[in-house]
Amino acid sequence: MATTQVLSKARHILLKRIPALTTPADIRRMLTRYNVQGVADVAIIYENFMPTKQAIITLALPNFLRDNLRELTNATLSGVVFTSEEVDYSESGPPPTELGTGPHAGVDNIGNNVVLSSFPSGTSPTNIKTITDKYLLASSFEESVLAIKTAPKNPVSMLIKLRSESEAYRMVRDLHMTNPLERLRWSRDLQARVIH
């Protein structure tokens, strides 16, 4: 009886072992292919802005859960077989998120964010203003470019909030094709990725 009550309240499905470069759009296409119903949200789960190869699907109603889990048995995503299981947050509430960790990496402006990493300790957002000048930021430079530092001597990452998803992908493409900081020796390992 208790199990039935848990399942009747559960509105989330956790996907595990999904490909690392999967986007919410990839998952939504797969869900359509397998006739999964009542999807309210799809979120990649991150840890320190790195995808964990997990995603959480939020359903509009718990009624959809059992049928959707059945449809996802042996489903594949980009040719990879993943696992799916119900998650019940009805008592505890969803897991807490913090900047960089959790569903959607704990950020707003979903799909329009880029993380640049890693910069030497002490790098300030103003050091990359020349990089961001040719892109449409979500708002002012000060509000759109944030330094993320985990400890005093650790490398710094920059979270850049852009006006649209296409602008975010344009920035990532440009930075992977040409390194605007190539004169700086440490910049050879500069990475850019869109956060969903």
Protein backbone atom coordinates (compact mmCIF):
# COMPACT_ATOMS: atom_id res chain seq x y z
CA MET A 1 0.00 0.00 0.00
CA ALA A 2 2.79 2.45 0.91
CA THR A 3 4.55 1.83 -2.42
CA THR A 4 1.36 2.62 -4.33
CA GLN A 5 1.01 5.91 -2.47
CA VAL A 6 4.63 6.87 -3.24
CA LEU A 7 4.19 6.07 -6.92
CA SER A 8 0.89 7.92 -7.06
CA LYS A 9 2.57 11.14 -5.85
CA ALA A 10 5.85 10.87 -7.76
CA ARG A 11 6.13 13.33 -10.65
CA HIS A 12 9.81 12.94 -11.56
CA ILE A 13 11.80 10.45 -13.62
CA LEU A 14 15.57 10.30 -13.22
CA LEU A 15 17.55 9.29 -16.31
CA LYS A 16 21.02 7.85 -15.68
CA ARG A 17 23.93 7.06 -18.01
CA ILE A 18 22.89 9.51 -20.72
CA PRO A 19 25.64 10.71 -23.11
CA ALA A 20 27.66 13.60 -21.63
CA LEU A 21 26.84 16.05 -24.46
CA THR A 22 23.07 15.45 -24.31
CA THR A 23 20.87 18.56 -24.33
CA PRO A 24 17.29 18.90 -23.05
CA ALA A 25 16.19 19.18 -26.70
CA ASP A 26 17.80 15.76 -27.43
CA ILE A 27 15.90 14.26 -24.49
CA ARG A 28 12.60 15.86 -25.54
CA ARG A 29 12.97 14.39 -29.06
CA MET A 30 13.64 10.97 -27.55
CA LEU A 31 10.61 11.31 -25.24
CA THR A 32 8.40 12.12 -28.23
CA ARG A 33 9.76 9.08 -30.07
CA TYR A 34 8.83 6.82 -27.13
CA ASN A 35 5.41 8.48 -26.63
CA VAL A 36 6.19 9.83 -23.14
CA GLN A 37 3.28 12.03 -22.03
CA GLY A 38 2.77 15.01 -19.72
CA VAL A 39 6.34 16.36 -19.65
CA ALA A 40 6.55 19.73 -17.88
CA ASP A 41 10.35 20.14 -17.72
CA VAL A 42 13.58 18.41 -18.72
CA ALA A 43 16.74 19.36 -16.82
CA ILE A 44 20.32 18.17 -17.15
CA ILE A 45 21.90 17.66 -13.72
CA TYR A 46 25.29 19.33 -13.20
CA GLU A 47 28.03 19.27 -10.63
CA ASN A 48 30.31 22.32 -10.67
CA PHE A 49 28.94 23.15 -14.14
CA MET A 50 29.94 19.71 -15.48
CA PRO A 51 27.13 17.41 -16.71
CA THR A 52 26.75 14.32 -14.50
CA LYS A 53 25.27 12.15 -17.31
CA GLN A 54 21.93 12.38 -15.52
CA ALA A 55 18.73 14.28 -16.24
CA ILE A 56 15.46 14.78 -14.41
CA ILE A 57 12.09 14.82 -16.14
CA THR A 58 9.27 16.63 -14.33
CA LEU A 59 5.77 15.45 -15.20
CA ALA A 60 2.67 17.65 -15.09
CA LEU A 61 0.76 14.98 -13.14
CA PRO A 62 1.71 11.79 -11.26
CA ASN A 63 -0.83 9.86 -13.39
CA PHE A 64 1.67 9.79 -16.27
CA LEU A 65 4.47 8.12 -14.28
CA ARG A 66 3.78 4.39 -14.65
CA ASP A 67 3.00 4.47 -18.38
CA ASN A 68 6.03 6.68 -19.07
CA LEU A 69 8.39 4.36 -17.16
CA ARG A 70 7.02 1.45 -19.17
CA GLU A 71 7.65 3.32 -22.45
CA LEU A 72 11.22 4.10 -21.39
CA THR A 73 12.13 0.46 -20.67
CA ASN A 74 15.07 -0.34 -23.00
CA ALA A 75 14.88 3.12 -24.59
CA THR A 76 18.02 4.55 -26.21
CA LEU A 77 19.37 8.06 -26.55
CA SER A 78 21.91 8.70 -29.32
CA GLY A 79 22.33 4.91 -29.54
CA VAL A 80 23.08 4.57 -25.82
CA VAL A 81 20.86 2.52 -23.50
CA PHE A 82 20.17 4.50 -20.32
CA THR A 83 18.23 3.71 -17.16
CA SER A 84 15.13 5.46 -15.85
CA GLU A 85 13.58 5.41 -12.39
CA GLU A 86 10.88 7.26 -10.50
CA VAL A 87 11.87 9.88 -7.93
CA ASP A 88 9.40 11.08 -5.32
CA TYR A 89 9.92 14.60 -3.99
CA SER A 90 6.36 14.92 -2.65
CA GLU A 91 7.53 14.73 0.98
CA SER A 92 11.04 16.19 0.89
CA GLY A 93 10.71 18.67 -1.96
CA PRO A 94 13.21 18.73 -4.84
CA PRO A 95 16.91 18.49 -3.99
CA PRO A 96 18.52 21.86 -3.24
CA THR A 97 20.47 23.49 -6.03
CA GLU A 98 23.39 25.87 -5.81
CA LEU A 99 25.21 27.80 -8.46
CA GLY A 100 26.78 25.20 -10.76
CA THR A 101 25.24 22.12 -9.13
CA GLY A 102 21.83 20.48 -9.53
CA PRO A 103 19.15 20.62 -12.26
CA HIS A 104 19.90 23.34 -14.84
CA ALA A 105 23.13 23.96 -12.82
CA GLY A 106 21.07 26.12 -10.46
CA VAL A 107 20.95 29.03 -12.93
CA ASP A 108 18.15 30.98 -14.53
CA ASN A 109 18.27 32.11 -18.17
CA ILE A 110 18.16 28.37 -19.02
CA GLY A 111 19.93 27.43 -22.26
CA ASN A 112 21.36 30.92 -22.73
CA ASN A 113 24.35 30.53 -20.39
CA VAL A 114 27.96 29.79 -21.28
CA VAL A 115 30.69 28.77 -18.86
CA LEU A 116 34.29 29.63 -19.79
CA SER A 117 36.98 27.76 -17.88
CA SER A 118 39.48 27.91 -16.55
CA PHE A 119 41.25 31.15 -15.81
CA PRO A 120 44.11 31.71 -13.35
CA SER A 121 43.15 32.52 -9.76
CA GLY A 122 42.45 36.23 -9.39
CA THR A 123 41.06 36.72 -12.92
CA SER A 124 38.24 39.24 -12.88
CA PRO A 125 35.31 39.50 -15.33
CA THR A 126 36.78 42.75 -16.68
CA ASN A 127 39.71 40.69 -18.05
CA ILE A 128 37.38 39.06 -20.59
CA LYS A 129 35.33 42.12 -21.58
CA THR A 130 36.99 42.17 -25.01
CA ILE A 131 35.72 38.60 -25.59
CA THR A 132 32.13 39.38 -24.62
CA ASP A 133 31.84 42.72 -26.45
CA LYS A 134 30.75 41.15 -29.73
CA TYR A 135 27.90 39.12 -28.19
CA LEU A 136 24.44 40.13 -27.02
CA LEU A 137 24.46 39.79 -23.24
CA ALA A 138 21.27 39.22 -21.22
CA SER A 139 21.66 42.60 -19.49
CA SER A 140 24.57 44.83 -18.43
CA PHE A 141 28.12 43.42 -18.44
CA GLU A 142 28.27 43.51 -14.63
CA GLU A 143 25.03 41.50 -14.31
CA SER A 144 25.77 39.09 -17.17
CA VAL A 145 29.39 38.06 -16.52
CA LEU A 146 30.08 36.41 -13.17
CA ALA A 147 33.33 34.96 -11.82
CA ILE A 148 32.91 31.54 -10.20
CA LYS A 149 35.60 30.65 -7.70
CA THR A 150 35.52 27.58 -5.46
CA ALA A 151 38.58 28.31 -3.30
CA PRO A 152 41.16 31.14 -3.04
CA LYS A 153 43.93 29.48 -5.09
CA ASN A 154 41.69 27.48 -7.46
CA PRO A 155 41.22 28.41 -11.13
CA VAL A 156 38.29 30.70 -11.91
CA SER A 157 35.44 30.01 -14.34
CA MET A 158 33.20 32.69 -15.85
CA LEU A 159 29.44 32.34 -16.21
CA ILE A 160 28.18 34.44 -19.12
CA LYS A 161 24.45 35.08 -19.48
CA LEU A 162 23.50 35.75 -23.10
CA ARG A 163 20.30 37.03 -24.66
CA SER A 164 19.40 33.84 -26.55
CA GLU A 165 20.37 30.20 -26.97
CA SER A 166 21.59 30.87 -30.51
CA GLU A 167 23.89 33.60 -29.15
CA ALA A 168 25.22 31.16 -26.52
CA TYR A 169 26.00 28.56 -29.21
CA ARG A 170 27.59 31.24 -31.41
CA MET A 171 29.96 32.18 -28.57
CA VAL A 172 30.93 28.54 -27.93
CA ARG A 173 31.49 27.92 -31.66
CA ASP A 174 33.62 31.06 -32.04
CA LEU A 175 35.76 30.29 -28.99
CA HIS A 176 36.38 26.72 -30.11
CA MET A 177 37.42 27.90 -33.57
CA THR A 178 39.63 30.81 -32.50
CA ASN A 179 41.14 31.52 -29.12
CA PRO A 180 41.00 35.30 -28.55
CA LEU A 181 43.46 34.97 -25.67
CA GLU A 182 46.04 32.86 -27.50
CA ARG A 183 48.84 35.30 -26.62
CA LEU A 184 48.47 34.13 -23.00
CA ARG A 185 50.16 30.78 -22.41
CA TRP A 186 47.56 29.51 -19.91
CA SER A 187 44.71 30.08 -22.38
CA ARG A 188 45.53 27.01 -24.50
CA ASP A 189 43.15 24.96 -22.36
CA LEU A 190 40.31 27.51 -22.43
CA GLN A 191 36.97 25.70 -22.74
CA ALA A 192 33.47 26.99 -23.45
CA ARG A 193 30.21 25.11 -23.00
CA VAL A 194 26.52 25.93 -23.00
CA ILE A 195 24.70 25.23 -19.74
CA HIS A 196 21.15 23.91 -20.13
